Amino acid sequence: MKKNDVPESYKCLLGILNSNLFWWYLTNTGTILANAYFRFKPDYMKPFPIPVNITKDIEQNMVKYVDKIMESKSNNSSQSTSIDEEKINEIVYSLYDLTDEEIKLIKSTTI
């Protein structure tokens, strides 16, 4: 449940939590089980910092792409949304001030 003191919208948080950065974080902090499955527990997510520098413009931009993906998938679940997903990833990378090297590392291990 979203706390009242969290100003970001659910859709903005959805974009962050479905980003390559968050997936990279989970795969590097979670437990790897047999056959390369991952075990995720809420405690693994708690240390992940949500950026405090999310302006209304950034949030609206994130929500725009999340809405596009959700609409596309609701019309055709097999439709590719990779362009919009990459736009979200770019927003997330900038929110966390990631360097080009860090972005390359994340991209090389999440694709």
PDB file of N, CA and C in Angstrom:
ATOM      1  N   MET A   1       0.844  -1.175   0.000  1.00  0.00           N
ATOM      2  CA  MET A   1       0.000   0.000   0.000  1.00  0.00           C
ATOM      3  C   MET A   1       0.890   1.239   0.000  1.00  0.00           C
ATOM      4  N   LYS A   2       0.576   2.163  -0.849  1.00  0.00           N
ATOM      5  CA  LYS A   2       1.354   3.396  -0.952  1.00  0.00           C
ATOM      6  C   LYS A   2       1.094   4.279   0.261  1.00  0.00           C
ATOM      7  N   LYS A   3       2.170   4.786   0.820  1.00  0.00           N
ATOM      8  CA  LYS A   3       2.051   5.676   1.970  1.00  0.00           C
ATOM      9  C   LYS A   3       1.688   7.084   1.509  1.00  0.00           C
ATOM     10  N   ASN A   4       0.999   7.801   2.366  1.00  0.00           N
ATOM     11  CA  ASN A   4       0.575   9.159   2.035  1.00  0.00           C
ATOM     12  C   ASN A   4       1.738  10.105   1.817  1.00  0.00           C
ATOM     13  N   ASP A   5       2.875   9.844   2.444  1.00  0.00           N
ATOM     14  CA  ASP A   5       4.011  10.752   2.302  1.00  0.00           C
ATOM     15  C   ASP A   5       4.866  10.453   1.065  1.00  0.00           C
ATOM     16  N   VAL A   6       4.412   9.511   0.236  1.00  0.00           N
ATOM     17  CA  VAL A   6       5.110   9.217  -1.016  1.00  0.00           C
ATOM     18  C   VAL A   6       4.405  10.000  -2.123  1.00  0.00           C
ATOM     19  N   PRO A   7       5.054  11.036  -2.659  1.00  0.00           N
ATOM     20  CA  PRO A   7       4.364  11.906  -3.608  1.00  0.00           C
ATOM     21  C   PRO A   7       4.198  11.325  -5.013  1.00  0.00           C
ATOM     22  N   GLU A   8       5.009  10.339  -5.386  1.00  0.00           N
ATOM     23  CA  GLU A   8       4.962   9.806  -6.737  1.00  0.00           C
ATOM     24  C   GLU A   8       3.685   8.984  -6.951  1.00  0.00           C
ATOM     25  N   SER A   9       3.193   9.003  -8.170  1.00  0.00           N
ATOM     26  CA  SER A   9       2.010   8.225  -8.510  1.00  0.00           C
ATOM     27  C   SER A   9       2.365   6.742  -8.594  1.00  0.00           C
ATOM     28  N   TYR A  10       1.337   5.913  -8.530  1.00  0.00           N
ATOM     29  CA  TYR A  10       1.546   4.471  -8.672  1.00  0.00           C
ATOM     30  C   TYR A  10       2.188   4.151 -10.017  1.00  0.00           C
ATOM     31  N   LYS A  11       1.760   4.837 -11.052  1.00  0.00           N
ATOM     32  CA  LYS A  11       2.295   4.539 -12.387  1.00  0.00           C
ATOM     33  C   LYS A  11       3.766   4.942 -12.507  1.00  0.00           C
ATOM     34  N   CYS A  12       4.149   6.003 -11.854  1.00  0.00           N
ATOM     35  CA  CYS A  12       5.556   6.380 -11.851  1.00  0.00           C
ATOM     36  C   CYS A  12       6.378   5.313 -11.135  1.00  0.00           C
ATOM     37  N   LEU A  13       5.883   4.868 -10.000  1.00  0.00           N
ATOM     38  CA  LEU A  13       6.565   3.793  -9.265  1.00  0.00           C
ATOM     39  C   LEU A  13       6.578   2.501 -10.075  1.00  0.00           C
ATOM     40  N   LEU A  14       5.497   2.233 -10.800  1.00  0.00           N
ATOM     41  CA  LEU A  14       5.432   1.056 -11.657  1.00  0.00           C
ATOM     42  C   LEU A  14       6.527   1.094 -12.712  1.00  0.00           C
ATOM     43  N   GLY A  15       6.759   2.275 -13.286  1.00  0.00           N
ATOM     44  CA  GLY A  15       7.827   2.415 -14.274  1.00  0.00           C
ATOM     45  C   GLY A  15       9.192   2.121 -13.674  1.00  0.00           C
ATOM     46  N   ILE A  16       9.451   2.640 -12.489  1.00  0.00           N
ATOM     47  CA  ILE A  16      10.730   2.404 -11.819  1.00  0.00           C
ATOM     48  C   ILE A  16      10.896   0.934 -11.475  1.00  0.00           C
ATOM     49  N   LEU A  17       9.847   0.333 -10.922  1.00  0.00           N
ATOM     50  CA  LEU A  17       9.939  -1.050 -10.462  1.00  0.00           C
ATOM     51  C   LEU A  17       9.922  -2.074 -11.599  1.00  0.00           C
ATOM     52  N   ASN A  18       9.617  -1.634 -12.809  1.00  0.00           N
ATOM     53  CA  ASN A  18       9.689  -2.518 -13.968  1.00  0.00           C
ATOM     54  C   ASN A  18      10.860  -2.168 -14.874  1.00  0.00           C
ATOM     55  N   SER A  19      11.759  -1.338 -14.400  1.00  0.00           N
ATOM     56  CA  SER A  19      12.901  -0.914 -15.206  1.00  0.00           C
ATOM     57  C   SER A  19      14.012  -1.962 -15.177  1.00  0.00           C
ATOM     58  N   ASN A  20      14.915  -1.828 -16.143  1.00  0.00           N
ATOM     59  CA  ASN A  20      16.093  -2.701 -16.161  1.00  0.00           C
ATOM     60  C   ASN A  20      16.941  -2.524 -14.916  1.00  0.00           C
ATOM     61  N   LEU A  21      17.011  -1.289 -14.415  1.00  0.00           N
ATOM     62  CA  LEU A  21      17.806  -1.047 -13.206  1.00  0.00           C
ATOM     63  C   LEU A  21      17.260  -1.844 -12.043  1.00  0.00           C
ATOM     64  N   PHE A  22      15.955  -1.840 -11.840  1.00  0.00           N
ATOM     65  CA  PHE A  22      15.386  -2.572 -10.712  1.00  0.00           C
ATOM     66  C   PHE A  22      15.562  -4.075 -10.896  1.00  0.00           C
ATOM     67  N   TRP A  23      15.386  -4.560 -12.125  1.00  0.00           N
ATOM     68  CA  TRP A  23      15.605  -5.990 -12.382  1.00  0.00           C
ATOM     69  C   TRP A  23      17.065  -6.358 -12.098  1.00  0.00           C
ATOM     70  N   TRP A  24      17.983  -5.520 -12.531  1.00  0.00           N
ATOM     71  CA  TRP A  24      19.402  -5.764 -12.262  1.00  0.00           C
ATOM     72  C   TRP A  24      19.639  -5.815 -10.755  1.00  0.00           C
ATOM     73  N   TYR A  25      19.047  -4.870 -10.028  1.00  0.00           N
ATOM     74  CA  TYR A  25      19.192  -4.833  -8.570  1.00  0.00           C
ATOM     75  C   TYR A  25      18.668  -6.126  -7.937  1.00  0.00           C
ATOM     76  N   LEU A  26      17.488  -6.550  -8.354  1.00  0.00           N
ATOM     77  CA  LEU A  26      16.909  -7.767  -7.766  1.00  0.00           C
ATOM     78  C   LEU A  26      17.739  -9.010  -8.078  1.00  0.00           C
ATOM     79  N   THR A  27      18.217  -9.110  -9.310  1.00  0.00           N
ATOM     80  CA  THR A  27      18.998 -10.305  -9.658  1.00  0.00           C
ATOM     81  C   THR A  27      20.363 -10.325  -8.967  1.00  0.00           C
ATOM     82  N   ASN A  28      20.832  -9.164  -8.545  1.00  0.00           N
ATOM     83  CA  ASN A  28      22.116  -9.106  -7.844  1.00  0.00           C
ATOM     84  C   ASN A  28      21.984  -9.135  -6.331  1.00  0.00           C
ATOM     85  N   THR A  29      20.775  -9.029  -5.818  1.00  0.00           N
ATOM     86  CA  THR A  29      20.579  -9.091  -4.368  1.00  0.00           C
ATOM     87  C   THR A  29      19.695 -10.259  -3.951  1.00  0.00           C
ATOM     88  N   GLY A  30      18.962 -10.827  -4.902  1.00  0.00           N
ATOM     89  CA  GLY A  30      18.069 -11.945  -4.590  1.00  0.00           C
ATOM     90  C   GLY A  30      18.828 -13.259  -4.522  1.00  0.00           C
ATOM     91  N   THR A  31      18.108 -14.288  -4.172  1.00  0.00           N
ATOM     92  CA  THR A  31      18.676 -15.630  -4.081  1.00  0.00           C
ATOM     93  C   THR A  31      18.433 -16.368  -5.386  1.00  0.00           C
ATOM     94  N   ILE A  32      19.485 -16.991  -5.919  1.00  0.00           N
ATOM     95  CA  ILE A  32      19.350 -17.779  -7.140  1.00  0.00           C
ATOM     96  C   ILE A  32      19.089 -19.230  -6.739  1.00  0.00           C
ATOM     97  N   LEU A  33      17.998 -19.766  -7.280  1.00  0.00           N
ATOM     98  CA  LEU A  33      17.612 -21.147  -6.988  1.00  0.00           C
ATOM     99  C   LEU A  33      18.033 -22.046  -8.145  1.00  0.00           C
ATOM    100  N   ALA A  34      17.652 -23.298  -8.074  1.00  0.00           N
ATOM    101  CA  ALA A  34      17.956 -24.252  -9.134  1.00  0.00           C
ATOM    102  C   ALA A  34      17.367 -23.782 -10.462  1.00  0.00           C
ATOM    103  N   ASN A  35      18.009 -24.148 -11.545  1.00  0.00           N
ATOM    104  CA  ASN A  35      17.578 -23.804 -12.901  1.00  0.00           C
ATOM    105  C   ASN A  35      17.516 -22.301 -13.142  1.00  0.00           C
ATOM    106  N   ALA A  36      18.326 -21.543 -12.450  1.00  0.00           N
ATOM    107  CA  ALA A  36      18.460 -20.092 -12.616  1.00  0.00           C
ATOM    108  C   ALA A  36      17.190 -19.317 -12.280  1.00  0.00           C
ATOM    109  N   TYR A  37      16.346 -19.869 -11.423  1.00  0.00           N
ATOM    110  CA  TYR A  37      15.189 -19.127 -10.934  1.00  0.00           C
ATOM    111  C   TYR A  37      15.627 -18.239  -9.778  1.00  0.00           C
ATOM    112  N   PHE A  38      14.924 -17.142  -9.600  1.00  0.00           N
ATOM    113  CA  PHE A  38      15.245 -16.222  -8.521  1.00  0.00           C
ATOM    114  C   PHE A  38      14.158 -16.246  -7.463  1.00  0.00           C
ATOM    115  N   ARG A  39      14.575 -16.110  -6.226  1.00  0.00           N
ATOM    116  CA  ARG A  39      13.621 -15.972  -5.126  1.00  0.00           C
ATOM    117  C   ARG A  39      13.630 -14.511  -4.717  1.00  0.00           C
ATOM    118  N   PHE A  40      12.449 -13.919  -4.748  1.00  0.00           N
ATOM    119  CA  PHE A  40      12.317 -12.520  -4.364  1.00  0.00           C
ATOM    120  C   PHE A  40      11.437 -12.424  -3.147  1.00  0.00           C
ATOM    121  N   LYS A  41      11.910 -11.698  -2.185  1.00  0.00           N
ATOM    122  CA  LYS A  41      11.150 -11.458  -0.964  1.00  0.00           C
ATOM    123  C   LYS A  41      10.997  -9.946  -0.803  1.00  0.00           C
ATOM    124  N   PRO A  42       9.943  -9.512  -0.123  1.00  0.00           N
ATOM    125  CA  PRO A  42       9.787  -8.067   0.097  1.00  0.00           C
ATOM    126  C   PRO A  42      11.022  -7.438   0.731  1.00  0.00           C
ATOM    127  N   ASP A  43      11.707  -8.166   1.580  1.00  0.00           N
ATOM    128  CA  ASP A  43      12.904  -7.614   2.225  1.00  0.00           C
ATOM    129  C   ASP A  43      14.003  -7.296   1.220  1.00  0.00           C
ATOM    130  N   TYR A  44      13.987  -7.966   0.056  1.00  0.00           N
ATOM    131  CA  TYR A  44      14.987  -7.679  -0.966  1.00  0.00           C
ATOM    132  C   TYR A  44      14.704  -6.339  -1.638  1.00  0.00           C
ATOM    133  N   MET A  45      13.445  -5.929  -1.654  1.00  0.00           N
ATOM    134  CA  MET A  45      13.057  -4.688  -2.324  1.00  0.00           C
ATOM    135  C   MET A  45      13.215  -3.461  -1.435  1.00  0.00           C
ATOM    136  N   LYS A  46      13.087  -3.639  -0.142  1.00  0.00           N
ATOM    137  CA  LYS A  46      13.077  -2.501   0.778  1.00  0.00           C
ATOM    138  C   LYS A  46      14.309  -1.605   0.683  1.00  0.00           C
ATOM    139  N   PRO A  47      15.516  -2.158   0.514  1.00  0.00           N
ATOM    140  CA  PRO A  47      16.682  -1.268   0.448  1.00  0.00           C
ATOM    141  C   PRO A  47      16.803  -0.474  -0.854  1.00  0.00           C
ATOM    142  N   PHE A  48      16.020  -0.838  -1.872  1.00  0.00           N
ATOM    143  CA  PHE A  48      16.119  -0.136  -3.158  1.00  0.00           C
ATOM    144  C   PHE A  48      15.619   1.294  -2.989  1.00  0.00           C
ATOM    145  N   PRO A  49      16.476   2.278  -3.243  1.00  0.00           N
ATOM    146  CA  PRO A  49      16.068   3.672  -3.005  1.00  0.00           C
ATOM    147  C   PRO A  49      15.196   4.211  -4.135  1.00  0.00           C
ATOM    148  N   ILE A  50      14.129   4.865  -3.770  1.00  0.00           N
ATOM    149  CA  ILE A  50      13.315   5.588  -4.737  1.00  0.00           C
ATOM    150  C   ILE A  50      13.878   7.011  -4.783  1.00  0.00           C
ATOM    151  N   PRO A  51      14.192   7.503  -5.977  1.00  0.00           N
ATOM    152  CA  PRO A  51      14.826   8.818  -6.067  1.00  0.00           C
ATOM    153  C   PRO A  51      13.930   9.929  -5.514  1.00  0.00           C
ATOM    154  N   VAL A  52      14.573  10.935  -4.959  1.00  0.00           N
ATOM    155  CA  VAL A  52      13.840  12.076  -4.403  1.00  0.00           C
ATOM    156  C   VAL A  52      13.791  13.238  -5.394  1.00  0.00           C
ATOM    157  N   ASN A  53      14.457  13.105  -6.525  1.00  0.00           N
ATOM    158  CA  ASN A  53      14.536  14.190  -7.497  1.00  0.00           C
ATOM    159  C   ASN A  53      13.533  14.037  -8.638  1.00  0.00           C
ATOM    160  N   ILE A  54      12.386  13.420  -8.386  1.00  0.00           N
ATOM    161  CA  ILE A  54      11.385  13.227  -9.427  1.00  0.00           C
ATOM    162  C   ILE A  54      10.501  14.476  -9.497  1.00  0.00           C
ATOM    163  N   THR A  55      10.714  15.253 -10.534  1.00  0.00           N
ATOM    164  CA  THR A  55       9.895  16.441 -10.724  1.00  0.00           C
ATOM    165  C   THR A  55       8.556  16.040 -11.338  1.00  0.00           C
ATOM    166  N   LYS A  56       7.620  16.949 -11.334  1.00  0.00           N
ATOM    167  CA  LYS A  56       6.305  16.682 -11.953  1.00  0.00           C
ATOM    168  C   LYS A  56       6.460  16.389 -13.441  1.00  0.00           C
ATOM    169  N   ASP A  57       7.371  17.088 -14.123  1.00  0.00           N
ATOM    170  CA  ASP A  57       7.596  16.839 -15.551  1.00  0.00           C
ATOM    171  C   ASP A  57       8.123  15.428 -15.798  1.00  0.00           C
ATOM    172  N   ILE A  58       9.082  15.011 -14.981  1.00  0.00           N
ATOM    173  CA  ILE A  58       9.637  13.665 -15.117  1.00  0.00           C
ATOM    174  C   ILE A  58       8.557  12.634 -14.830  1.00  0.00           C
ATOM    175  N   GLU A  59       7.786  12.867 -13.778  1.00  0.00           N
ATOM    176  CA  GLU A  59       6.718  11.932 -13.428  1.00  0.00           C
ATOM    177  C   GLU A  59       5.683  11.828 -14.552  1.00  0.00           C
ATOM    178  N   GLN A  60       5.283  12.954 -15.117  1.00  0.00           N
ATOM    179  CA  GLN A  60       4.303  12.941 -16.206  1.00  0.00           C
ATOM    180  C   GLN A  60       4.845  12.208 -17.426  1.00  0.00           C
ATOM    181  N   ASN A  61       6.127  12.398 -17.715  1.00  0.00           N
ATOM    182  CA  ASN A  61       6.754  11.707 -18.835  1.00  0.00           C
ATOM    183  C   ASN A  61       6.774  10.196 -18.594  1.00  0.00           C
ATOM    184  N   MET A  62       7.133   9.798 -17.380  1.00  0.00           N
ATOM    185  CA  MET A  62       7.147   8.375 -17.022  1.00  0.00           C
ATOM    186  C   MET A  62       5.742   7.787 -17.157  1.00  0.00           C
ATOM    187  N   VAL A  63       4.763   8.472 -16.617  1.00  0.00           N
ATOM    188  CA  VAL A  63       3.379   7.989 -16.652  1.00  0.00           C
ATOM    189  C   VAL A  63       2.888   7.873 -18.089  1.00  0.00           C
ATOM    190  N   LYS A  64       3.304   8.795 -18.948  1.00  0.00           N
ATOM    191  CA  LYS A  64       2.916   8.739 -20.367  1.00  0.00           C
ATOM    192  C   LYS A  64       3.360   7.420 -20.995  1.00  0.00           C
ATOM    193  N   TYR A  65       4.606   7.017 -20.741  1.00  0.00           N
ATOM    194  CA  TYR A  65       5.111   5.767 -21.314  1.00  0.00           C
ATOM    195  C   TYR A  65       4.478   4.548 -20.653  1.00  0.00           C
ATOM    196  N   VAL A  66       4.260   4.596 -19.361  1.00  0.00           N
ATOM    197  CA  VAL A  66       3.589   3.490 -18.668  1.00  0.00           C
ATOM    198  C   VAL A  66       2.178   3.310 -19.235  1.00  0.00           C
ATOM    199  N   ASP A  67       1.463   4.414 -19.428  1.00  0.00           N
ATOM    200  CA  ASP A  67       0.112   4.347 -20.001  1.00  0.00           C
ATOM    201  C   ASP A  67       0.132   3.752 -21.404  1.00  0.00           C
ATOM    202  N   LYS A  68       1.106   4.167 -22.221  1.00  0.00           N
ATOM    203  CA  LYS A  68       1.210   3.632 -23.580  1.00  0.00           C
ATOM    204  C   LYS A  68       1.436   2.125 -23.564  1.00  0.00           C
ATOM    205  N   ILE A  69       2.306   1.675 -22.680  1.00  0.00           N
ATOM    206  CA  ILE A  69       2.589   0.239 -22.583  1.00  0.00           C
ATOM    207  C   ILE A  69       1.346  -0.506 -22.120  1.00  0.00           C
ATOM    208  N   MET A  70       0.698   0.004 -21.091  1.00  0.00           N
ATOM    209  CA  MET A  70      -0.485  -0.667 -20.562  1.00  0.00           C
ATOM    210  C   MET A  70      -1.599  -0.727 -21.611  1.00  0.00           C
ATOM    211  N   GLU A  71      -1.786   0.337 -22.352  1.00  0.00           N
ATOM    212  CA  GLU A  71      -2.814   0.347 -23.396  1.00  0.00           C
ATOM    213  C   GLU A  71      -2.462  -0.634 -24.511  1.00  0.00           C
ATOM    214  N   SER A  72      -1.210  -0.617 -24.948  1.00  0.00           N
ATOM    215  CA  SER A  72      -0.781  -1.536 -26.009  1.00  0.00           C
ATOM    216  C   SER A  72      -0.964  -2.984 -25.595  1.00  0.00           C
ATOM    217  N   LYS A  73      -0.554  -3.307 -24.368  1.00  0.00           N
ATOM    218  CA  LYS A  73      -0.642  -4.690 -23.887  1.00  0.00           C
ATOM    219  C   LYS A  73      -2.097  -5.115 -23.654  1.00  0.00           C
ATOM    220  N   SER A  74      -2.960  -4.171 -23.284  1.00  0.00           N
ATOM    221  CA  SER A  74      -4.366  -4.536 -23.073  1.00  0.00           C
ATOM    222  C   SER A  74      -5.057  -4.817 -24.402  1.00  0.00           C
ATOM    223  N   ASN A  75      -4.588  -4.179 -25.474  1.00  0.00           N
ATOM    224  CA  ASN A  75      -5.156  -4.423 -26.807  1.00  0.00           C
ATOM    225  C   ASN A  75      -4.580  -5.672 -27.455  1.00  0.00           C
ATOM    226  N   ASN A  76      -3.305  -5.935 -27.196  1.00  0.00           N
ATOM    227  CA  ASN A  76      -2.627  -7.080 -27.806  1.00  0.00           C
ATOM    228  C   ASN A  76      -1.430  -7.423 -26.922  1.00  0.00           C
ATOM    229  N   SER A  77      -1.573  -8.454 -26.092  1.00  0.00           N
ATOM    230  CA  SER A  77      -0.540  -8.776 -25.109  1.00  0.00           C
ATOM    231  C   SER A  77       0.802  -9.160 -25.728  1.00  0.00           C
ATOM    232  N   SER A  78       0.806  -9.546 -26.999  1.00  0.00           N
ATOM    233  CA  SER A  78       2.069  -9.925 -27.632  1.00  0.00           C
ATOM    234  C   SER A  78       2.716  -8.763 -28.383  1.00  0.00           C
ATOM    235  N   GLN A  79       2.079  -7.605 -28.385  1.00  0.00           N
ATOM    236  CA  GLN A  79       2.630  -6.444 -29.068  1.00  0.00           C
ATOM    237  C   GLN A  79       3.900  -5.966 -28.375  1.00  0.00           C
ATOM    238  N   SER A  80       4.906  -5.662 -29.175  1.00  0.00           N
ATOM    239  CA  SER A  80       6.169  -5.175 -28.621  1.00  0.00           C
ATOM    240  C   SER A  80       6.007  -3.754 -28.099  1.00  0.00           C
ATOM    241  N   THR A  81       6.532  -3.545 -26.914  1.00  0.00           N
ATOM    242  CA  THR A  81       6.544  -2.210 -26.307  1.00  0.00           C
ATOM    243  C   THR A  81       7.976  -1.805 -25.961  1.00  0.00           C
ATOM    244  N   SER A  82       8.926  -2.414 -26.642  1.00  0.00           N
ATOM    245  CA  SER A  82      10.330  -2.226 -26.285  1.00  0.00           C
ATOM    246  C   SER A  82      10.790  -0.776 -26.422  1.00  0.00           C
ATOM    247  N   ILE A  83      10.253  -0.036 -27.370  1.00  0.00           N
ATOM    248  CA  ILE A  83      10.662   1.367 -27.525  1.00  0.00           C
ATOM    249  C   ILE A  83      10.242   2.173 -26.303  1.00  0.00           C
ATOM    250  N   ASP A  84       8.988   1.994 -25.862  1.00  0.00           N
ATOM    251  CA  ASP A  84       8.515   2.712 -24.679  1.00  0.00           C
ATOM    252  C   ASP A  84       9.219   2.224 -23.410  1.00  0.00           C
ATOM    253  N   GLU A  85       9.499   0.937 -23.344  1.00  0.00           N
ATOM    254  CA  GLU A  85      10.244   0.405 -22.196  1.00  0.00           C
ATOM    255  C   GLU A  85      11.628   1.023 -22.127  1.00  0.00           C
ATOM    256  N   GLU A  86      12.261   1.189 -23.270  1.00  0.00           N
ATOM    257  CA  GLU A  86      13.591   1.798 -23.284  1.00  0.00           C
ATOM    258  C   GLU A  86      13.521   3.269 -22.878  1.00  0.00           C
ATOM    259  N   LYS A  87      12.466   3.956 -23.267  1.00  0.00           N
ATOM    260  CA  LYS A  87      12.286   5.350 -22.829  1.00  0.00           C
ATOM    261  C   LYS A  87      12.180   5.420 -21.305  1.00  0.00           C
ATOM    262  N   ILE A  88      11.433   4.489 -20.721  1.00  0.00           N
ATOM    263  CA  ILE A  88      11.324   4.437 -19.258  1.00  0.00           C
ATOM    264  C   ILE A  88      12.688   4.160 -18.648  1.00  0.00           C
ATOM    265  N   ASN A  89      13.425   3.213 -19.216  1.00  0.00           N
ATOM    266  CA  ASN A  89      14.764   2.912 -18.694  1.00  0.00           C
ATOM    267  C   ASN A  89      15.659   4.143 -18.743  1.00  0.00           C
ATOM    268  N   GLU A  90      15.588   4.919 -19.816  1.00  0.00           N
ATOM    269  CA  GLU A  90      16.398   6.131 -19.925  1.00  0.00           C
ATOM    270  C   GLU A  90      16.029   7.142 -18.836  1.00  0.00           C
ATOM    271  N   ILE A  91      14.732   7.274 -18.569  1.00  0.00           N
ATOM    272  CA  ILE A  91      14.294   8.177 -17.499  1.00  0.00           C
ATOM    273  C   ILE A  91      14.849   7.696 -16.163  1.00  0.00           C
ATOM    274  N   VAL A  92      14.750   6.396 -15.917  1.00  0.00           N
ATOM    275  CA  VAL A  92      15.222   5.831 -14.649  1.00  0.00           C
ATOM    276  C   VAL A  92      16.732   6.016 -14.515  1.00  0.00           C
ATOM    277  N   TYR A  93      17.476   5.752 -15.581  1.00  0.00           N
ATOM    278  CA  TYR A  93      18.929   5.936 -15.528  1.00  0.00           C
ATOM    279  C   TYR A  93      19.277   7.376 -15.154  1.00  0.00           C
ATOM    280  N   SER A  94      18.535   8.333 -15.721  1.00  0.00           N
ATOM    281  CA  SER A  94      18.835   9.735 -15.414  1.00  0.00           C
ATOM    282  C   SER A  94      18.443  10.082 -13.977  1.00  0.00           C
ATOM    283  N   LEU A  95      17.365   9.486 -13.470  1.00  0.00           N
ATOM    284  CA  LEU A  95      16.958   9.746 -12.084  1.00  0.00           C
ATOM    285  C   LEU A  95      18.029   9.306 -11.087  1.00  0.00           C
ATOM    286  N   TYR A  96      18.738   8.241 -11.432  1.00  0.00           N
ATOM    287  CA  TYR A  96      19.760   7.706 -10.543  1.00  0.00           C
ATOM    288  C   TYR A  96      21.164   8.199 -10.917  1.00  0.00           C
ATOM    289  N   ASP A  97      21.238   9.124 -11.865  1.00  0.00           N
ATOM    290  CA  ASP A  97      22.519   9.699 -12.300  1.00  0.00           C
ATOM    291  C   ASP A  97      23.545   8.631 -12.651  1.00  0.00           C
ATOM    292  N   LEU A  98      23.105   7.628 -13.400  1.00  0.00           N
ATOM    293  CA  LEU A  98      24.020   6.551 -13.774  1.00  0.00           C
ATOM    294  C   LEU A  98      24.964   7.009 -14.878  1.00  0.00           C
ATOM    295  N   THR A  99      26.177   6.519 -14.818  1.00  0.00           N
ATOM    296  CA  THR A  99      27.167   6.816 -15.850  1.00  0.00           C
ATOM    297  C   THR A  99      26.939   5.893 -17.046  1.00  0.00           C
ATOM    298  N   ASP A 100      27.586   6.209 -18.156  1.00  0.00           N
ATOM    299  CA  ASP A 100      27.490   5.348 -19.340  1.00  0.00           C
ATOM    300  C   ASP A 100      27.996   3.943 -19.036  1.00  0.00           C
ATOM    301  N   GLU A 101      29.048   3.860 -18.246  1.00  0.00           N
ATOM    302  CA  GLU A 101      29.601   2.546 -17.870  1.00  0.00           C
ATOM    303  C   GLU A 101      28.589   1.735 -17.063  1.00  0.00           C
ATOM    304  N   GLU A 102      27.924   2.375 -16.115  1.00  0.00           N
ATOM    305  CA  GLU A 102      26.927   1.688 -15.305  1.00  0.00           C
ATOM    306  C   GLU A 102      25.737   1.240 -16.154  1.00  0.00           C
ATOM    307  N   ILE A 103      25.328   2.078 -17.081  1.00  0.00           N
ATOM    308  CA  ILE A 103      24.224   1.718 -17.970  1.00  0.00           C
ATOM    309  C   ILE A 103      24.607   0.530 -18.830  1.00  0.00           C
ATOM    310  N   LYS A 104      25.821   0.520 -19.363  1.00  0.00           N
ATOM    311  CA  LYS A 104      26.305  -0.611 -20.169  1.00  0.00           C
ATOM    312  C   LYS A 104      26.288  -1.894 -19.357  1.00  0.00           C
ATOM    313  N   LEU A 105      26.711  -1.830 -18.119  1.00  0.00           N
ATOM    314  CA  LEU A 105      26.724  -3.004 -17.254  1.00  0.00           C
ATOM    315  C   LEU A 105      25.295  -3.529 -17.054  1.00  0.00           C
ATOM    316  N   ILE A 106      24.379  -2.636 -16.755  1.00  0.00           N
ATOM    317  CA  ILE A 106      22.988  -3.051 -16.532  1.00  0.00           C
ATOM    318  C   ILE A 106      22.407  -3.646 -17.809  1.00  0.00           C
ATOM    319  N   LYS A 107      22.624  -2.997 -18.933  1.00  0.00           N
ATOM    320  CA  LYS A 107      22.082  -3.496 -20.202  1.00  0.00           C
ATOM    321  C   LYS A 107      22.684  -4.851 -20.574  1.00  0.00           C
ATOM    322  N   SER A 108      23.950  -5.045 -20.286  1.00  0.00           N
ATOM    323  CA  SER A 108      24.605  -6.296 -20.674  1.00  0.00           C
ATOM    324  C   SER A 108      24.152  -7.471 -19.817  1.00  0.00           C
ATOM    325  N   THR A 109      23.614  -7.206 -18.636  1.00  0.00           N
ATOM    326  CA  THR A 109      23.215  -8.307 -17.755  1.00  0.00           C
ATOM    327  C   THR A 109      21.704  -8.482 -17.643  1.00  0.00           C
ATOM    328  N   THR A 110      20.919  -7.600 -18.289  1.00  0.00           N
ATOM    329  CA  THR A 110      19.462  -7.743 -18.194  1.00  0.00           C
ATOM    330  C   THR A 110      18.811  -8.101 -19.508  1.00  0.00           C
ATOM    331  N   ILE A 111      19.569  -8.132 -20.569  1.00  0.00           N
ATOM    332  CA  ILE A 111      18.973  -8.436 -21.883  1.00  0.00           C
ATOM    333  C   ILE A 111      19.172  -9.882 -22.218  1.00  0.00           C
TER     334      ILE A 111
END
